[in-house]
PDB file of N, CA and C in Angstrom:
ATOM      1  N   MET A   1      17.823 106.010  45.792  1.00  0.00           N
ATOM      2  CA  MET A   1      18.326 107.057  44.963  1.00  0.00           C
ATOM      3  C   MET A   1      19.360 106.491  44.037  1.00  0.00           C
ATOM      4  N   LEU A   2      20.334 105.784  44.568  1.00  0.00           N
ATOM      5  CA  LEU A   2      21.568 105.081  43.800  1.00  0.00           C
ATOM      6  C   LEU A   2      20.794 104.264  42.647  1.00  0.00           C
ATOM      7  N   THR A   3      19.931 103.443  43.063  1.00  0.00           N
ATOM      8  CA  THR A   3      19.097 102.614  42.089  1.00  0.00           C
ATOM      9  C   THR A   3      18.702 103.417  40.892  1.00  0.00           C
ATOM     10  N   ASP A   4      17.972 104.451  41.110  1.00  0.00           N
ATOM     11  CA  ASP A   4      17.489 105.412  40.002  1.00  0.00           C
ATOM     12  C   ASP A   4      18.501 105.943  39.175  1.00  0.00           C
ATOM     13  N   ALA A   5      19.618 106.284  39.816  1.00  0.00           N
ATOM     14  CA  ALA A   5      20.858 106.900  39.037  1.00  0.00           C
ATOM     15  C   ALA A   5      21.334 105.853  38.077  1.00  0.00           C
ATOM     16  N   LEU A   6      21.516 104.639  38.592  1.00  0.00           N
ATOM     17  CA  LEU A   6      22.171 103.590  37.781  1.00  0.00           C
ATOM     18  C   LEU A   6      21.340 103.041  36.770  1.00  0.00           C
ATOM     19  N   LYS A   7      20.073 103.066  36.895  1.00  0.00           N
ATOM     20  CA  LYS A   7      19.184 102.578  35.671  1.00  0.00           C
ATOM     21  C   LYS A   7      19.346 103.468  34.456  1.00  0.00           C
ATOM     22  N   HIS A   8      19.953 104.511  34.666  1.00  0.00           N
ATOM     23  CA  HIS A   8      20.145 105.533  33.345  1.00  0.00           C
ATOM     24  C   HIS A   8      21.615 105.510  32.887  1.00  0.00           C
ATOM     25  N   ARG A   9      22.555 104.451  33.232  1.00  0.00           N
ATOM     26  CA  ARG A   9      23.763 104.434  32.917  1.00  0.00           C
ATOM     27  C   ARG A   9      23.788 103.528  31.690  1.00  0.00           C
ATOM     28  N   PHE A  10      24.333 103.963  30.644  1.00  0.00           N
ATOM     29  CA  PHE A  10      24.583 103.113  29.430  1.00  0.00           C
ATOM     30  C   PHE A  10      26.046 103.241  28.920  1.00  0.00           C
ATOM     31  N   VAL A  11      26.501 102.419  28.142  1.00  0.00           N
ATOM     32  CA  VAL A  11      27.836 102.329  27.520  1.00  0.00           C
ATOM     33  C   VAL A  11      27.786 103.151  26.233  1.00  0.00           C
ATOM     34  N   PRO A  12      28.631 104.092  26.167  1.00  0.00           N
ATOM     35  CA  PRO A  12      28.753 105.084  24.877  1.00  0.00           C
ATOM     36  C   PRO A  12      29.296 104.059  23.714  1.00  0.00           C
ATOM     37  N   VAL A  13      28.878 104.346  22.584  1.00  0.00           N
ATOM     38  CA  VAL A  13      29.227 103.737  21.370  1.00  0.00           C
ATOM     39  C   VAL A  13      29.836 104.736  20.356  1.00  0.00           C
ATOM     40  N   VAL A  14      30.817 104.012  19.502  1.00  0.00           N
ATOM     41  CA  VAL A  14      31.362 104.796  18.436  1.00  0.00           C
ATOM     42  C   VAL A  14      30.452 104.598  17.298  1.00  0.00           C
ATOM     43  N   MET A  15      29.769 105.790  16.823  1.00  0.00           N
ATOM     44  CA  MET A  15      28.624 105.717  15.730  1.00  0.00           C
ATOM     45  C   MET A  15      29.419 105.734  14.422  1.00  0.00           C
ATOM     46  N   SER A  16      30.556 106.561  14.281  1.00  0.00           N
ATOM     47  CA  SER A  16      31.325 106.417  13.077  1.00  0.00           C
ATOM     48  C   SER A  16      32.785 106.884  13.238  1.00  0.00           C
ATOM     49  N   LEU A  17      33.633 106.533  12.265  1.00  0.00           N
ATOM     50  CA  LEU A  17      34.896 106.710  12.312  1.00  0.00           C
ATOM     51  C   LEU A  17      35.487 106.880  10.990  1.00  0.00           C
ATOM     52  N   LYS A  18      36.029 108.123  10.710  1.00  0.00           N
ATOM     53  CA  LYS A  18      36.517 108.515   9.498  1.00  0.00           C
ATOM     54  C   LYS A  18      38.002 108.920   9.416  1.00  0.00           C
ATOM     55  N   THR A  19      38.711 108.347   8.626  1.00  0.00           N
ATOM     56  CA  THR A  19      40.084 108.818   8.569  1.00  0.00           C
ATOM     57  C   THR A  19      40.528 109.371   7.105  1.00  0.00           C
ATOM     58  N   GLY A  20      41.453 110.251   7.152  1.00  0.00           N
ATOM     59  CA  GLY A  20      42.159 110.672   6.061  1.00  0.00           C
ATOM     60  C   GLY A  20      43.032 109.696   5.426  1.00  0.00           C
ATOM     61  N   PRO A  21      43.848 109.868   4.187  1.00  0.00           N
ATOM     62  CA  PRO A  21      44.700 108.972   3.771  1.00  0.00           C
ATOM     63  C   PRO A  21      45.967 108.929   4.634  1.00  0.00           C
ATOM     64  N   ALA A  22      46.655 107.680   4.829  1.00  0.00           N
ATOM     65  CA  ALA A  22      47.727 107.438   5.450  1.00  0.00           C
ATOM     66  C   ALA A  22      49.114 107.682   4.454  1.00  0.00           C
ATOM     67  N   LEU A  23      49.232 108.891   4.360  1.00  0.00           N
ATOM     68  CA  LEU A  23      50.480 109.150   3.402  1.00  0.00           C
ATOM     69  C   LEU A  23      51.874 109.372   4.343  1.00  0.00           C
ATOM     70  N   LYS A  24      52.847 109.001   3.610  1.00  0.00           N
ATOM     71  CA  LYS A  24      54.261 109.093   4.322  1.00  0.00           C
ATOM     72  C   LYS A  24      54.566 110.664   4.477  1.00  0.00           C
ATOM     73  N   GLY A  25      55.026 110.996   5.779  1.00  0.00           N
ATOM     74  CA  GLY A  25      55.267 112.268   5.992  1.00  0.00           C
ATOM     75  C   GLY A  25      54.215 113.140   6.340  1.00  0.00           C
ATOM     76  N   LYS A  26      52.815 112.832   6.176  1.00  0.00           N
ATOM     77  CA  LYS A  26      51.577 113.647   6.456  1.00  0.00           C
ATOM     78  C   LYS A  26      50.722 113.196   7.632  1.00  0.00           C
ATOM     79  N   PRO A  27      50.203 114.321   8.376  1.00  0.00           N
ATOM     80  CA  PRO A  27      49.509 113.769   9.525  1.00  0.00           C
ATOM     81  C   PRO A  27      48.089 113.256   8.905  1.00  0.00           C
ATOM     82  N   VAL A  28      47.389 112.379   9.673  1.00  0.00           N
ATOM     83  CA  VAL A  28      46.228 111.607   9.391  1.00  0.00           C
ATOM     84  C   VAL A  28      45.111 112.287  10.100  1.00  0.00           C
ATOM     85  N   THR A  29      44.089 112.867   9.489  1.00  0.00           N
ATOM     86  CA  THR A  29      42.809 113.313  10.136  1.00  0.00           C
ATOM     87  C   THR A  29      41.967 112.201  10.626  1.00  0.00           C
ATOM     88  N   VAL A  30      41.431 112.400  11.614  1.00  0.00           N
ATOM     89  CA  VAL A  30      40.580 111.373  12.368  1.00  0.00           C
ATOM     90  C   VAL A  30      39.416 111.993  12.710  1.00  0.00           C
ATOM     91  N   THR A  31      38.192 111.454  12.388  1.00  0.00           N
ATOM     92  CA  THR A  31      36.937 112.164  12.918  1.00  0.00           C
ATOM     93  C   THR A  31      36.137 111.017  13.604  1.00  0.00           C
ATOM     94  N   VAL A  32      35.662 111.200  14.732  1.00  0.00           N
ATOM     95  CA  VAL A  32      34.726 110.149  15.497  1.00  0.00           C
ATOM     96  C   VAL A  32      33.594 110.837  15.857  1.00  0.00           C
ATOM     97  N   GLN A  33      32.462 109.900  15.659  1.00  0.00           N
ATOM     98  CA  GLN A  33      31.083 110.432  16.216  1.00  0.00           C
ATOM     99  C   GLN A  33      30.917 109.420  17.438  1.00  0.00           C
ATOM    100  N   ALA A  34      30.623 109.981  18.443  1.00  0.00           N
ATOM    101  CA  ALA A  34      30.340 108.965  19.582  1.00  0.00           C
ATOM    102  C   ALA A  34      29.227 109.500  20.485  1.00  0.00           C
ATOM    103  N   GLY A  35      28.608 108.579  21.029  1.00  0.00           N
ATOM    104  CA  GLY A  35      27.362 108.984  21.950  1.00  0.00           C
ATOM    105  C   GLY A  35      26.752 107.678  22.543  1.00  0.00           C
ATOM    106  N   TYR A  36      25.387 107.965  22.913  1.00  0.00           N
ATOM    107  CA  TYR A  36      24.706 106.908  23.390  1.00  0.00           C
ATOM    108  C   TYR A  36      23.423 106.607  22.391  1.00  0.00           C
ATOM    109  N   ASP A  37      23.308 105.337  22.210  1.00  0.00           N
ATOM    110  CA  ASP A  37      22.235 104.890  21.311  1.00  0.00           C
ATOM    111  C   ASP A  37      20.847 104.578  21.994  1.00  0.00           C
ATOM    112  N   ASP A  38      20.987 104.694  23.360  1.00  0.00           N
ATOM    113  CA  ASP A  38      19.734 104.581  24.139  1.00  0.00           C
ATOM    114  C   ASP A  38      19.173 105.888  24.466  1.00  0.00           C
ATOM    115  N   LYS A  39      18.097 106.360  24.176  1.00  0.00           N
ATOM    116  CA  LYS A  39      17.545 107.749  24.440  1.00  0.00           C
ATOM    117  C   LYS A  39      17.340 107.952  26.051  1.00  0.00           C
ATOM    118  N   ARG A  40      17.370 106.928  26.670  1.00  0.00           N
ATOM    119  CA  ARG A  40      17.290 107.128  28.014  1.00  0.00           C
ATOM    120  C   ARG A  40      18.545 107.548  28.861  1.00  0.00           C
ATOM    121  N   ALA A  41      19.694 107.460  28.101  1.00  0.00           N
ATOM    122  CA  ALA A  41      20.992 107.871  28.700  1.00  0.00           C
ATOM    123  C   ALA A  41      20.927 109.227  28.964  1.00  0.00           C
ATOM    124  N   ILE A  42      21.455 109.671  30.280  1.00  0.00           N
ATOM    125  CA  ILE A  42      21.566 111.082  30.655  1.00  0.00           C
ATOM    126  C   ILE A  42      23.123 111.337  30.506  1.00  0.00           C
ATOM    127  N   ASP A  43      23.973 110.578  30.404  1.00  0.00           N
ATOM    128  CA  ASP A  43      25.377 110.857  30.322  1.00  0.00           C
ATOM    129  C   ASP A  43      25.686 111.667  29.018  1.00  0.00           C
ATOM    130  N   LYS A  44      26.798 112.255  28.803  1.00  0.00           N
ATOM    131  CA  LYS A  44      27.307 112.757  27.716  1.00  0.00           C
ATOM    132  C   LYS A  44      28.635 112.435  27.533  1.00  0.00           C
ATOM    133  N   VAL A  45      29.147 112.181  26.198  1.00  0.00           N
ATOM    134  CA  VAL A  45      30.629 111.891  25.949  1.00  0.00           C
ATOM    135  C   VAL A  45      31.333 113.252  25.936  1.00  0.00           C
ATOM    136  N   THR A  46      32.330 113.323  26.706  1.00  0.00           N
ATOM    137  CA  THR A  46      33.073 114.651  26.962  1.00  0.00           C
ATOM    138  C   THR A  46      34.385 114.581  26.319  1.00  0.00           C
ATOM    139  N   GLU A  47      35.063 113.519  26.220  1.00  0.00           N
ATOM    140  CA  GLU A  47      36.206 113.309  25.520  1.00  0.00           C
ATOM    141  C   GLU A  47      36.347 111.963  24.740  1.00  0.00           C
ATOM    142  N   VAL A  48      37.253 112.046  23.637  1.00  0.00           N
ATOM    143  CA  VAL A  48      37.573 110.907  22.916  1.00  0.00           C
ATOM    144  C   VAL A  48      39.050 110.776  22.653  1.00  0.00           C
ATOM    145  N   SER A  49      39.679 109.628  22.755  1.00  0.00           N
ATOM    146  CA  SER A  49      41.155 109.551  22.608  1.00  0.00           C
ATOM    147  C   SER A  49      41.228 108.227  21.770  1.00  0.00           C
ATOM    148  N   ILE A  50      42.172 108.197  20.921  1.00  0.00           N
ATOM    149  CA  ILE A  50      42.446 106.942  20.122  1.00  0.00           C
ATOM    150  C   ILE A  50      44.063 106.559  20.160  1.00  0.00           C
ATOM    151  N   PHE A  51      44.028 105.322  19.952  1.00  0.00           N
ATOM    152  CA  PHE A  51      45.532 104.706  19.706  1.00  0.00           C
ATOM    153  C   PHE A  51      45.583 104.366  18.344  1.00  0.00           C
ATOM    154  N   TYR A  52      46.722 104.215  17.644  1.00  0.00           N
ATOM    155  CA  TYR A  52      46.773 103.864  16.312  1.00  0.00           C
ATOM    156  C   TYR A  52      48.023 102.967  16.215  1.00  0.00           C
ATOM    157  N   SER A  53      48.169 102.403  15.208  1.00  0.00           N
ATOM    158  CA  SER A  53      49.234 101.323  14.643  1.00  0.00           C
ATOM    159  C   SER A  53      49.568 101.607  13.323  1.00  0.00           C
ATOM    160  N   VAL A  54      50.833 101.299  13.247  1.00  0.00           N
ATOM    161  CA  VAL A  54      51.370 101.391  11.672  1.00  0.00           C
ATOM    162  C   VAL A  54      51.979 100.108  11.318  1.00  0.00           C
ATOM    163  N   ASP A  55      51.866  99.033  12.054  1.00  0.00           N
ATOM    164  CA  ASP A  55      52.391  97.756  11.894  1.00  0.00           C
ATOM    165  C   ASP A  55      51.380  96.625  11.905  1.00  0.00           C
ATOM    166  N   GLY A  56      50.146  96.938  11.551  1.00  0.00           N
ATOM    167  CA  GLY A  56      49.184  95.947  11.525  1.00  0.00           C
ATOM    168  C   GLY A  56      48.556  95.531  12.773  1.00  0.00           C
ATOM    169  N   GLY A  57      48.868  96.208  13.860  1.00  0.00           N
ATOM    170  CA  GLY A  57      48.246  96.088  15.115  1.00  0.00           C
ATOM    171  C   GLY A  57      49.126  95.314  16.134  1.00  0.00           C
ATOM    172  N   LYS A  58      50.463  95.223  15.860  1.00  0.00           N
ATOM    173  CA  LYS A  58      51.409  94.557  16.695  1.00  0.00           C
ATOM    174  C   LYS A  58      51.698  95.518  17.844  1.00  0.00           C
ATOM    175  N   ASN A  59      51.743  96.831  17.487  1.00  0.00           N
ATOM    176  CA  ASN A  59      52.202  97.748  18.500  1.00  0.00           C
ATOM    177  C   ASN A  59      51.217  99.043  18.294  1.00  0.00           C
ATOM    178  N   PHE A  60      51.007  99.668  19.325  1.00  0.00           N
ATOM    179  CA  PHE A  60      50.014 100.926  19.328  1.00  0.00           C
ATOM    180  C   PHE A  60      50.803 102.086  19.890  1.00  0.00           C
ATOM    181  N   ASN A  61      50.516 103.326  19.189  1.00  0.00           N
ATOM    182  CA  ASN A  61      50.963 104.390  19.760  1.00  0.00           C
ATOM    183  C   ASN A  61      49.748 105.325  20.240  1.00  0.00           C
ATOM    184  N   GLY A  62      50.010 106.260  21.112  1.00  0.00           N
ATOM    185  CA  GLY A  62      48.842 107.059  21.674  1.00  0.00           C
ATOM    186  C   GLY A  62      49.015 107.093  23.103  1.00  0.00           C
ATOM    187  N   PRO A  63      47.999 107.711  23.727  1.00  0.00           N
ATOM    188  CA  PRO A  63      46.596 108.104  23.070  1.00  0.00           C
ATOM    189  C   PRO A  63      46.890 109.419  22.391  1.00  0.00           C
ATOM    190  N   VAL A  64      46.041 109.681  21.451  1.00  0.00           N
ATOM    191  CA  VAL A  64      45.854 110.935  20.891  1.00  0.00           C
ATOM    192  C   VAL A  64      44.402 111.406  21.130  1.00  0.00           C
ATOM    193  N   ALA A  65      44.461 112.728  21.859  1.00  0.00           N
ATOM    194  CA  ALA A  65      43.198 113.170  22.371  1.00  0.00           C
ATOM    195  C   ALA A  65      42.568 114.064  21.068  1.00  0.00           C
ATOM    196  N   LEU A  66      41.253 113.834  20.913  1.00  0.00           N
ATOM    197  CA  LEU A  66      40.591 114.290  19.847  1.00  0.00           C
ATOM    198  C   LEU A  66      39.887 115.652  20.450  1.00  0.00           C
ATOM    199  N   LYS A  67      39.697 116.589  19.657  1.00  0.00           N
ATOM    200  CA  LYS A  67      38.963 117.827  20.145  1.00  0.00           C
ATOM    201  C   LYS A  67      37.596 117.791  19.893  1.00  0.00           C
ATOM    202  N   LYS A  68      36.831 118.221  20.567  1.00  0.00           N
ATOM    203  CA  LYS A  68      35.272 118.159  20.498  1.00  0.00           C
ATOM    204  C   LYS A  68      34.884 119.335  19.389  1.00  0.00           C
ATOM    205  N   ALA A  69      34.197 118.902  18.398  1.00  0.00           N
ATOM    206  CA  ALA A  69      33.722 119.772  17.290  1.00  0.00           C
ATOM    207  C   ALA A  69      32.202 120.171  17.550  1.00  0.00           C
ATOM    208  N   ASN A  70      31.487 119.141  18.055  1.00  0.00           N
ATOM    209  CA  ASN A  70      30.025 119.423  18.542  1.00  0.00           C
ATOM    210  C   ASN A  70      29.640 118.344  19.485  1.00  0.00           C
ATOM    211  N   ALA A  71      28.483 118.191  19.683  1.00  0.00           N
ATOM    212  CA  ALA A  71      27.896 117.178  20.791  1.00  0.00           C
ATOM    213  C   ALA A  71      28.375 115.807  20.701  1.00  0.00           C
ATOM    214  N   LYS A  72      28.525 115.456  19.487  1.00  0.00           N
ATOM    215  CA  LYS A  72      28.809 113.838  19.242  1.00  0.00           C
ATOM    216  C   LYS A  72      30.032 113.755  18.442  1.00  0.00           C
ATOM    217  N   THR A  73      30.760 114.828  17.850  1.00  0.00           N
ATOM    218  CA  THR A  73      31.733 114.696  16.918  1.00  0.00           C
ATOM    219  C   THR A  73      33.180 115.339  17.572  1.00  0.00           C
ATOM    220  N   PHE A  74      34.126 114.366  17.350  1.00  0.00           N
ATOM    221  CA  PHE A  74      35.519 114.688  17.852  1.00  0.00           C
ATOM    222  C   PHE A  74      36.455 114.462  16.681  1.00  0.00           C
ATOM    223  N   SER A  75      37.371 115.513  16.612  1.00  0.00           N
ATOM    224  CA  SER A  75      38.341 115.402  15.464  1.00  0.00           C
ATOM    225  C   SER A  75      39.695 115.816  15.828  1.00  0.00           C
ATOM    226  N   GLY A  76      40.712 115.324  15.105  1.00  0.00           N
ATOM    227  CA  GLY A  76      42.085 115.535  15.445  1.00  0.00           C
ATOM    228  C   GLY A  76      43.093 114.799  14.311  1.00  0.00           C
ATOM    229  N   GLN A  77      44.227 114.727  14.732  1.00  0.00           N
ATOM    230  CA  GLN A  77      45.361 114.209  13.739  1.00  0.00           C
ATOM    231  C   GLN A  77      46.124 113.206  14.438  1.00  0.00           C
ATOM    232  N   ILE A  78      46.379 112.232  13.720  1.00  0.00           N
ATOM    233  CA  ILE A  78      47.589 111.352  14.179  1.00  0.00           C
ATOM    234  C   ILE A  78      48.794 111.964  13.644  1.00  0.00           C
ATOM    235  N   PRO A  79      49.892 112.050  14.268  1.00  0.00           N
ATOM    236  CA  PRO A  79      51.077 112.782  13.752  1.00  0.00           C
ATOM    237  C   PRO A  79      51.713 112.047  12.648  1.00  0.00           C
ATOM    238  N   ALA A  80      52.407 112.771  11.657  1.00  0.00           N
ATOM    239  CA  ALA A  80      52.837 112.190  10.444  1.00  0.00           C
ATOM    240  C   ALA A  80      53.529 110.860  10.711  1.00  0.00           C
ATOM    241  N   ILE A  81      53.426 109.789   9.809  1.00  0.00           N
ATOM    242  CA  ILE A  81      54.113 108.574   9.826  1.00  0.00           C
ATOM    243  C   ILE A  81      55.353 108.450   9.056  1.00  0.00           C
ATOM    244  N   GLY A  82      56.297 107.671   9.251  1.00  0.00           N
ATOM    245  CA  GLY A  82      57.599 107.538   8.671  1.00  0.00           C
ATOM    246  C   GLY A  82      57.464 106.837   7.387  1.00  0.00           C
ATOM    247  N   LYS A  83      56.443 106.112   7.223  1.00  0.00           N
ATOM    248  CA  LYS A  83      56.412 105.281   6.120  1.00  0.00           C
ATOM    249  C   LYS A  83      54.818 105.151   5.595  1.00  0.00           C
ATOM    250  N   ALA A  84      54.608 104.909   4.364  1.00  0.00           N
ATOM    251  CA  ALA A  84      53.356 104.611   3.740  1.00  0.00           C
ATOM    252  C   ALA A  84      52.838 103.310   4.416  1.00  0.00           C
ATOM    253  N   GLY A  85      51.537 103.209   4.432  1.00  0.00           N
ATOM    254  CA  GLY A  85      51.044 102.062   4.915  1.00  0.00           C
ATOM    255  C   GLY A  85      49.639 102.201   5.512  1.00  0.00           C
ATOM    256  N   LYS A  86      49.039 101.036   6.159  1.00  0.00           N
ATOM    257  CA  LYS A  86      47.861 101.061   6.810  1.00  0.00           C
ATOM    258  C   LYS A  86      47.775 101.608   7.953  1.00  0.00           C
ATOM    259  N   VAL A  87      47.071 102.357   8.491  1.00  0.00           N
ATOM    260  CA  VAL A  87      46.966 102.934   9.766  1.00  0.00           C
ATOM    261  C   VAL A  87      45.771 102.075  10.641  1.00  0.00           C
ATOM    262  N   VAL A  88      45.759 101.460  11.679  1.00  0.00           N
ATOM    263  CA  VAL A  88      44.730 100.741  12.454  1.00  0.00           C
ATOM    264  C   VAL A  88      44.497 101.661  13.508  1.00  0.00           C
ATOM    265  N   LEU A  89      42.986 101.980  13.707  1.00  0.00           N
ATOM    266  CA  LEU A  89      42.833 102.657  14.889  1.00  0.00           C
ATOM    267  C   LEU A  89      41.947 102.018  15.867  1.00  0.00           C
ATOM    268  N   ILE A  90      42.075 102.174  17.070  1.00  0.00           N
ATOM    269  CA  ILE A  90      41.062 101.719  18.146  1.00  0.00           C
ATOM    270  C   ILE A  90      40.558 102.986  18.986  1.00  0.00           C
ATOM    271  N   ARG A  91      39.532 102.738  19.615  1.00  0.00           N
ATOM    272  CA  ARG A  91      39.099 103.712  20.595  1.00  0.00           C
ATOM    273  C   ARG A  91      39.480 103.316  21.872  1.00  0.00           C
ATOM    274  N   VAL A  92      39.535 104.226  22.836  1.00  0.00           N
ATOM    275  CA  VAL A  92      39.793 104.175  24.104  1.00  0.00           C
ATOM    276  C   VAL A  92      38.466 104.272  24.907  1.00  0.00           C
TER     277      VAL A  92
END
């Protein structure tokens, strides 16, 4: 029985990641689509959190939990940043 359950276990993937502009003093909108690219997968992605960096990836802040918009889409906002620059995102 355990063998049958394990053969349907797959690793979820980030299908897309979109961000709004990183403007000083403004939150950054983040939208992630995540799921399984193998149709045999029986699991569902139920939560997505991100970490972000404003110093080129030397340090990361977070996690920031994203809210579920639909079966594969999660969205939220990185808090306003104190300086203009590039925001680097990674998934958890």
